[in-house]
């Protein structure tokens, strides 16, 4: 009976993790919101605060004893008890479930952004628009001075979205690969097959470093109710790169692994740092923080406007599995917003905008119901 109860609990916790992973890969759906819905928000923050120097050293000592010393049964019991006392087993189950969701959905998100940009962004726009209600409802006092923090947050996100032009990023990378195209034309099949296990320059050192920074910044949003980590990645121009690297894991490309490793390190260190920082900030400046978050979300609607000016790139040089090749007539979206034309260009995005509003309304009502 107890065993069945533990299995049922494990399945439930893995499903919670899957929902959290799904939320964090979809811009507009906040992982922090799901933590509140599942009533585990404070529990997760408590676990993160338990990841300190003393516990890390004890964790490593347990691993060393299990590998190198005799009496493994006793060491294992001590290790399991340590994990249970600090609730790390629960956190591990959440992470496994979240990881499965992210890997499973990354290819789908990549396809939707490439092939159905306006419709996908319209869905995101609807999700974000309704989720602004969350920080509004979480305000304890609605005073006039908080408008300053709302405006400040909006200015920050609009500025970042304006400065980060996806087309310029693609163009710069294409020009870099164009200079090396002739060198790679001589790649024979043997080198091509081996390329998946080599570092061939798919990412620059700056891109690895930027991925680490983005991971640290995005995880701070992932744990906050109402704001999405994926939205932060979109604003920083890194969302597509991250989901592309995740969807490319099936090829066992070491560069994808290294890129995600840097991003993951940012998530880990950022999570440990921001878990404490956010707790302190919310205690001292709760209303100002919520107002600032509200502003970030309002400003993000500029970045998520579904109708962007697009440019057809006659020749785009890309690098895949170590080989540079040419893709012709690729449509690349800029960060310049446009007014849509009447007809199907407006109809389908409008339908998915409404769907996004309905979905997020359900979660908002679920979160704040008595």
Protein backbone atom coordinates (compact mmCIF):
# COMPACT_ATOMS: atom_id res chain seq x y z
CA UNK A 1 0.00 0.00 0.00
CA UNK A 2 2.79 2.41 0.97
CA UNK A 3 4.71 1.50 -2.18
CA UNK A 4 1.70 2.28 -4.39
CA UNK A 5 1.26 5.61 -2.60
CA UNK A 6 4.92 6.52 -3.19
CA UNK A 7 4.65 5.57 -6.88
CA UNK A 8 1.51 7.66 -7.24
CA UNK A 9 3.24 10.59 -5.54
CA UNK A 10 6.28 10.25 -7.82
CA UNK A 11 4.12 10.24 -10.95
CA UNK A 12 2.27 13.33 -9.70
CA UNK A 13 5.54 15.16 -9.03
CA UNK A 14 6.97 14.20 -12.44
CA UNK A 15 3.79 15.52 -14.09
CA UNK A 16 4.17 18.75 -12.11
CA UNK A 17 7.69 19.03 -13.48
CA UNK A 18 6.43 18.35 -17.01
CA UNK A 19 3.93 21.21 -16.64
CA UNK A 20 6.68 23.50 -15.33
CA UNK A 21 8.91 22.61 -18.29
CA UNK A 22 6.04 23.26 -20.69
CA UNK A 23 5.38 26.62 -19.04
CA UNK A 24 9.00 27.69 -19.23
CA UNK A 25 9.40 26.89 -22.93
CA UNK A 26 6.27 28.84 -23.92
CA UNK A 27 6.69 32.62 -23.70
CA UNK A 28 3.89 34.12 -21.66
CA UNK A 29 3.30 31.14 -19.40
CA UNK A 30 5.19 31.61 -16.15
CA UNK A 31 6.78 28.73 -14.31
CA UNK A 32 6.28 30.74 -11.12
CA UNK A 33 2.54 30.83 -11.84
CA UNK A 34 2.44 27.03 -12.00
CA UNK A 35 4.38 26.82 -8.73
CA UNK A 36 1.59 28.86 -7.14
CA UNK A 37 -1.16 26.82 -8.82
CA UNK A 38 0.40 23.57 -7.55
CA UNK A 39 0.89 25.19 -4.12
CA UNK A 40 4.63 24.41 -4.08
CA UNK A 41 6.05 27.93 -4.57
CA UNK A 42 7.37 28.34 -1.01
CA UNK A 43 8.50 24.71 -0.92
CA UNK A 44 10.68 25.14 -4.03
CA UNK A 45 12.19 28.39 -2.71
CA UNK A 46 12.94 26.64 0.59
CA UNK A 47 14.74 23.84 -1.28
CA UNK A 48 16.79 26.34 -3.31
CA UNK A 49 17.81 28.11 -0.12
CA UNK A 50 19.01 24.73 1.24
CA UNK A 51 21.57 24.54 -1.58
CA UNK A 52 24.42 26.11 0.34
CA UNK A 53 28.13 25.50 0.78
CA UNK A 54 27.71 23.04 3.67
CA UNK A 55 25.13 20.91 1.87
CA UNK A 56 27.12 20.92 -1.39
CA UNK A 57 30.25 19.70 0.44
CA UNK A 58 28.24 17.01 2.24
CA UNK A 59 26.66 15.94 -1.07
CA UNK A 60 30.11 15.58 -2.69
CA UNK A 61 31.46 13.65 0.31
CA UNK A 62 28.52 11.21 0.06
CA UNK A 63 29.27 10.65 -3.64
CA UNK A 64 32.96 10.03 -2.89
CA UNK A 65 32.10 7.53 -0.12
CA UNK A 66 29.70 5.67 -2.44
CA UNK A 67 32.36 5.37 -5.15
CA UNK A 68 35.55 4.71 -3.26
CA UNK A 69 34.75 3.39 0.23
CA UNK A 70 33.40 0.11 1.56
CA UNK A 71 30.12 -0.16 3.42
CA UNK A 72 28.17 1.21 0.48
CA UNK A 73 24.80 0.20 1.97
CA UNK A 74 25.31 2.40 5.04
CA UNK A 75 26.65 5.26 2.89
CA UNK A 76 23.67 4.98 0.55
CA UNK A 77 21.21 5.13 3.46
CA UNK A 78 22.94 8.26 4.76
CA UNK A 79 22.87 9.84 1.30
CA UNK A 80 19.17 9.09 0.73
CA UNK A 81 18.28 10.42 4.18
CA UNK A 82 20.21 13.62 3.43
CA UNK A 83 18.32 14.06 0.12
CA UNK A 84 14.95 13.48 1.80
CA UNK A 85 15.63 15.79 4.74
CA UNK A 86 16.45 18.64 2.36
CA UNK A 87 13.64 17.74 -0.08
CA UNK A 88 16.16 17.34 -2.92
CA UNK A 89 14.43 14.18 -4.21
CA UNK A 90 11.29 16.23 -4.81
CA UNK A 91 13.33 18.87 -6.66
CA UNK A 92 15.03 16.17 -8.75
CA UNK A 93 11.65 14.77 -9.85
CA UNK A 94 10.48 18.25 -10.85
CA UNK A 95 13.67 18.80 -12.86
CA UNK A 96 13.37 15.43 -14.64
CA UNK A 97 9.77 16.16 -15.62
CA UNK A 98 10.66 19.67 -16.75
CA UNK A 99 13.63 18.41 -18.77
CA UNK A 100 11.49 15.86 -20.62
CA UNK A 101 8.93 18.56 -21.51
CA UNK A 102 11.59 21.00 -22.75
CA UNK A 103 13.36 18.42 -24.93
CA UNK A 104 10.05 17.07 -26.25
CA UNK A 105 8.61 20.48 -27.16
CA UNK A 106 11.71 22.32 -28.41
CA UNK A 107 11.49 20.97 -31.97
CA UNK A 108 7.81 21.91 -32.13
CA UNK A 109 8.52 25.47 -30.96
CA UNK A 110 11.36 25.82 -33.48
CA UNK A 111 9.08 24.66 -36.31
CA UNK A 112 6.26 27.02 -35.27
CA UNK A 113 8.54 30.07 -35.14
CA UNK A 114 10.11 29.30 -38.51
CA UNK A 115 6.96 28.26 -40.38
CA UNK A 116 4.12 30.07 -38.56
CA UNK A 117 5.72 33.16 -37.03
CA UNK A 118 2.72 35.52 -36.86
CA UNK A 119 0.29 32.89 -35.59
CA UNK A 120 2.75 31.70 -32.92
CA UNK A 121 3.55 35.21 -31.73
CA UNK A 122 -0.17 36.06 -31.67
CA UNK A 123 -0.68 33.16 -29.24
CA UNK A 124 2.24 34.43 -27.13
CA UNK A 125 0.80 37.97 -27.26
CA UNK A 126 -2.54 36.76 -25.89
CA UNK A 127 -0.86 34.77 -23.12
CA UNK A 128 1.22 37.76 -21.99
CA UNK A 129 -1.62 40.29 -22.24
CA UNK A 130 -3.84 38.36 -19.82
CA UNK A 131 -0.98 37.34 -17.52
CA UNK A 132 -0.38 41.02 -16.70
CA UNK A 133 -3.34 40.56 -14.35
CA UNK A 134 -1.18 38.38 -12.09
CA UNK A 135 1.22 41.05 -10.75
CA UNK A 136 -1.71 43.52 -10.64
CA UNK A 137 -3.66 41.20 -8.33
CA UNK A 138 -0.56 40.47 -6.27
CA UNK A 139 -0.10 44.15 -5.38
CA UNK A 140 -0.86 44.75 -1.71
CA UNK A 141 -1.25 48.52 -2.14
CA UNK A 142 -2.21 50.28 -5.36
CA UNK A 143 -0.57 53.68 -4.92
CA UNK A 144 0.26 56.30 -7.55
CA UNK A 145 4.05 56.17 -7.04
CA UNK A 146 4.07 52.57 -8.31
CA UNK A 147 3.34 53.89 -11.81
CA UNK A 148 6.99 55.01 -11.93
CA UNK A 149 8.15 51.38 -11.61
CA UNK A 150 5.58 50.24 -14.18
CA UNK A 151 6.89 52.80 -16.69
CA UNK A 152 10.50 51.94 -15.83
CA UNK A 153 9.89 48.24 -16.47
CA UNK A 154 8.12 48.97 -19.77
CA UNK A 155 10.96 51.23 -20.95
CA UNK A 156 13.54 48.54 -20.13
CA UNK A 157 11.83 45.82 -22.19
CA UNK A 158 10.99 48.11 -25.13
CA UNK A 159 14.60 49.32 -25.22
CA UNK A 160 16.00 45.78 -25.20
CA UNK A 161 13.52 44.63 -27.87
CA UNK A 162 14.38 47.64 -30.04
CA UNK A 163 18.13 47.12 -29.73
CA UNK A 164 18.12 43.36 -30.39
CA UNK A 165 17.36 42.91 -34.11
CA UNK A 166 17.12 39.20 -35.08
CA UNK A 167 17.80 40.00 -38.74
CA UNK A 168 21.09 41.74 -37.98
CA UNK A 169 22.16 38.77 -35.87
CA UNK A 170 21.36 36.30 -38.68
CA UNK A 171 23.02 38.52 -41.29
CA UNK A 172 26.21 38.89 -39.26
CA UNK A 173 26.48 35.14 -38.72
CA UNK A 174 25.75 34.43 -42.41
CA UNK A 175 28.51 36.84 -43.49
CA UNK A 176 30.95 35.16 -41.11
CA UNK A 177 30.16 31.73 -42.59
CA UNK A 178 30.29 33.10 -46.16
CA UNK A 179 33.97 33.90 -45.69
CA UNK A 180 34.68 30.27 -44.83
CA UNK A 181 32.32 28.67 -47.35
CA UNK A 182 34.99 27.70 -49.89
CA UNK A 183 37.07 26.03 -47.19
CA UNK A 184 34.15 23.81 -46.23
CA UNK A 185 33.18 22.81 -49.75
CA UNK A 186 36.03 20.31 -49.63
CA UNK A 187 34.56 18.43 -46.65
CA UNK A 188 34.39 14.76 -47.56
CA UNK A 189 31.82 12.36 -46.15
CA UNK A 190 34.15 11.01 -43.48
CA UNK A 191 34.75 14.46 -42.04
CA UNK A 192 31.08 15.29 -42.27
CA UNK A 193 30.13 12.19 -40.29
CA UNK A 194 32.76 12.97 -37.67
CA UNK A 195 31.80 16.63 -37.43
CA UNK A 196 29.03 15.96 -34.97
CA UNK A 197 31.69 15.02 -32.43
CA UNK A 198 34.00 17.99 -33.12
CA UNK A 199 33.98 21.67 -32.29
CA UNK A 200 33.66 23.28 -35.71
CA UNK A 201 32.95 26.89 -34.82
CA UNK A 202 29.16 26.83 -34.78
CA UNK A 203 29.23 29.15 -31.77
CA UNK A 204 31.78 31.84 -30.96
CA UNK A 205 33.26 32.35 -27.50
CA UNK A 206 31.08 35.45 -27.15
CA UNK A 207 27.98 33.33 -27.85
CA UNK A 208 28.97 30.80 -25.18
CA UNK A 209 29.46 33.64 -22.69
CA UNK A 210 26.20 35.32 -23.67
CA UNK A 211 24.35 32.00 -23.25
CA UNK A 212 25.63 31.80 -19.66
CA UNK A 213 24.42 35.36 -18.94
CA UNK A 214 21.03 34.67 -20.55
CA UNK A 215 20.60 31.53 -18.45
CA UNK A 216 21.29 33.47 -15.25
CA UNK A 217 18.87 36.27 -16.18
CA UNK A 218 16.13 33.97 -17.52
CA UNK A 219 16.03 31.75 -14.43
CA UNK A 220 15.29 34.81 -12.29
CA UNK A 221 12.11 35.25 -14.34
CA UNK A 222 11.26 31.54 -14.32
CA UNK A 223 10.69 31.56 -10.56
CA UNK A 224 8.64 34.76 -10.48
CA UNK A 225 4.85 34.57 -10.79
CA UNK A 226 3.52 36.23 -13.93
CA UNK A 227 6.74 36.61 -15.92
CA UNK A 228 8.15 33.99 -18.27
CA UNK A 229 11.79 32.94 -18.61
CA UNK A 230 11.21 32.29 -22.31
CA UNK A 231 9.93 35.84 -22.70
CA UNK A 232 13.20 37.12 -21.25
CA UNK A 233 15.12 34.98 -23.76
CA UNK A 234 13.06 36.46 -26.61
CA UNK A 235 13.84 39.98 -25.40
CA UNK A 236 17.55 39.09 -25.21
CA UNK A 237 17.42 37.55 -28.70
CA UNK A 238 18.43 34.09 -27.47
CA UNK A 239 15.17 32.12 -27.43
CA UNK A 240 15.52 30.62 -30.91
CA UNK A 241 19.19 29.74 -30.32
CA UNK A 242 18.35 27.86 -27.13
CA UNK A 243 15.42 25.84 -28.51
CA UNK A 244 17.44 25.11 -31.68
CA UNK A 245 20.30 23.74 -29.57
CA UNK A 246 17.86 21.62 -27.52
CA UNK A 247 16.12 20.26 -30.62
CA UNK A 248 19.57 19.46 -32.05
CA UNK A 249 20.52 17.21 -29.14
CA UNK A 250 19.31 14.19 -31.11
CA UNK A 251 22.39 14.52 -33.36
CA UNK A 252 24.75 14.37 -30.35
CA UNK A 253 26.46 17.56 -31.53
CA UNK A 254 29.07 18.53 -28.96
CA UNK A 255 28.73 22.21 -29.77
CA UNK A 256 25.02 22.10 -28.92
CA UNK A 257 25.90 20.33 -25.67
CA UNK A 258 28.59 22.91 -24.84
CA UNK A 259 26.22 25.79 -25.64
CA UNK A 260 23.47 24.30 -23.47
CA UNK A 261 26.07 23.51 -20.80
CA UNK A 262 26.97 27.22 -20.61
CA UNK A 263 23.29 28.14 -20.55
CA UNK A 264 22.68 25.51 -17.83
CA UNK A 265 25.57 26.84 -15.73
CA UNK A 266 23.97 30.27 -15.93
CA UNK A 267 20.65 28.78 -14.83
CA UNK A 268 22.27 27.01 -11.86
CA UNK A 269 24.35 29.92 -10.59
CA UNK A 270 21.64 32.45 -11.40
CA UNK A 271 19.03 30.31 -9.66
CA UNK A 272 21.09 29.98 -6.49
CA UNK A 273 21.88 33.70 -6.45
CA UNK A 274 18.47 35.04 -7.46
CA UNK A 275 16.54 32.71 -5.14
CA UNK A 276 18.08 34.57 -2.22
CA UNK A 277 18.11 37.98 -3.89
CA UNK A 278 14.44 37.80 -4.93
CA UNK A 279 13.42 36.66 -1.44
CA UNK A 280 15.21 39.67 0.07
CA UNK A 281 13.89 42.14 -2.51
CA UNK A 282 10.30 40.92 -2.20
CA UNK A 283 10.48 41.28 1.60
CA UNK A 284 11.71 44.88 1.46
CA UNK A 285 10.22 46.22 -1.80
CA UNK A 286 7.30 43.95 -2.56
CA UNK A 287 4.94 46.42 -4.27
CA UNK A 288 7.69 48.16 -6.25
CA UNK A 289 8.96 44.77 -7.49
CA UNK A 290 5.49 43.68 -8.59
CA UNK A 291 4.94 47.01 -10.33
CA UNK A 292 8.28 46.66 -12.13
CA UNK A 293 7.34 43.13 -13.25
CA UNK A 294 4.05 44.50 -14.53
CA UNK A 295 5.98 47.08 -16.55
CA UNK A 296 8.30 44.42 -17.99
CA UNK A 297 5.28 42.48 -19.20
CA UNK A 298 3.53 45.54 -20.65
CA UNK A 299 6.70 46.50 -22.53
CA UNK A 300 7.17 42.96 -23.80
CA UNK A 301 3.99 43.30 -25.87
CA UNK A 302 6.08 45.48 -28.20
CA UNK A 303 8.52 42.60 -28.75
CA UNK A 304 5.72 40.03 -29.15
CA UNK A 305 3.68 42.01 -31.69
CA UNK A 306 2.84 39.27 -34.24
CA UNK A 307 3.31 41.37 -37.37
CA UNK A 308 6.96 42.15 -38.01
CA UNK A 309 8.69 43.48 -41.07
CA UNK A 310 10.40 40.56 -42.80
CA UNK A 311 13.31 40.48 -45.21
CA UNK A 312 13.92 37.76 -47.80
CA UNK A 313 17.58 36.82 -47.62
CA UNK A 314 18.54 35.61 -51.09
CA UNK A 315 21.44 33.54 -49.74
CA UNK A 316 21.88 32.59 -46.11
CA UNK A 317 24.99 30.71 -45.09
CA UNK A 318 24.36 28.30 -42.22
CA UNK A 319 26.51 25.73 -40.46
CA UNK A 320 25.12 22.31 -39.65
CA UNK A 321 27.13 19.28 -38.50
CA UNK A 322 30.35 21.14 -39.30
CA UNK A 323 29.45 21.87 -42.92
CA UNK A 324 28.64 25.33 -44.27
CA UNK A 325 25.84 25.33 -46.81
CA UNK A 326 23.62 27.86 -48.58
CA UNK A 327 19.90 28.25 -47.95
CA UNK A 328 18.14 30.39 -50.53
CA UNK A 329 15.22 32.79 -50.19
CA UNK A 330 14.90 32.57 -46.42
CA UNK A 331 12.38 34.87 -44.73
CA UNK A 332 13.98 36.55 -41.72
CA UNK A 333 11.87 38.60 -39.31
CA UNK A 334 13.16 41.89 -37.92
CA UNK A 335 12.15 43.71 -34.72
CA UNK A 336 10.19 46.35 -36.67
CA UNK A 337 6.43 46.21 -36.01
CA UNK A 338 3.90 46.63 -38.84
CA UNK A 339 0.15 47.11 -39.18
CA UNK A 340 -1.40 43.89 -40.59
CA UNK A 341 -3.48 43.82 -43.76
CA UNK A 342 -7.07 42.65 -43.66
CA UNK A 343 -7.71 39.02 -44.62
CA UNK A 344 -5.99 35.77 -43.72
CA UNK A 345 -2.89 37.68 -42.58
CA UNK A 346 -5.01 39.07 -39.75
CA UNK A 347 -7.66 36.35 -39.29
CA UNK A 348 -5.52 33.40 -38.18
CA UNK A 349 -3.30 35.40 -35.78
CA UNK A 350 -6.48 36.94 -34.32
CA UNK A 351 -7.93 33.46 -33.69
CA UNK A 352 -4.76 32.31 -31.91
CA UNK A 353 -4.55 35.57 -29.96
CA UNK A 354 -8.03 34.81 -28.59
CA UNK A 355 -6.97 31.21 -27.82
CA UNK A 356 -3.96 32.55 -25.89
CA UNK A 357 -6.22 34.90 -23.91
CA UNK A 358 -8.60 32.05 -23.05
CA UNK A 359 -5.79 29.70 -21.96
CA UNK A 360 -4.16 32.28 -19.71
CA UNK A 361 -7.53 33.37 -18.28
CA UNK A 362 -8.01 29.79 -17.09
CA UNK A 363 -4.67 29.77 -15.27
CA UNK A 364 -5.20 33.23 -13.79
CA UNK A 365 -8.60 32.23 -12.43
CA UNK A 366 -7.13 28.98 -11.11
CA UNK A 367 -4.31 30.83 -9.35
CA UNK A 368 -6.48 33.41 -7.60
CA UNK A 369 -9.57 31.39 -6.84
CA UNK A 370 -10.32 31.18 -3.14
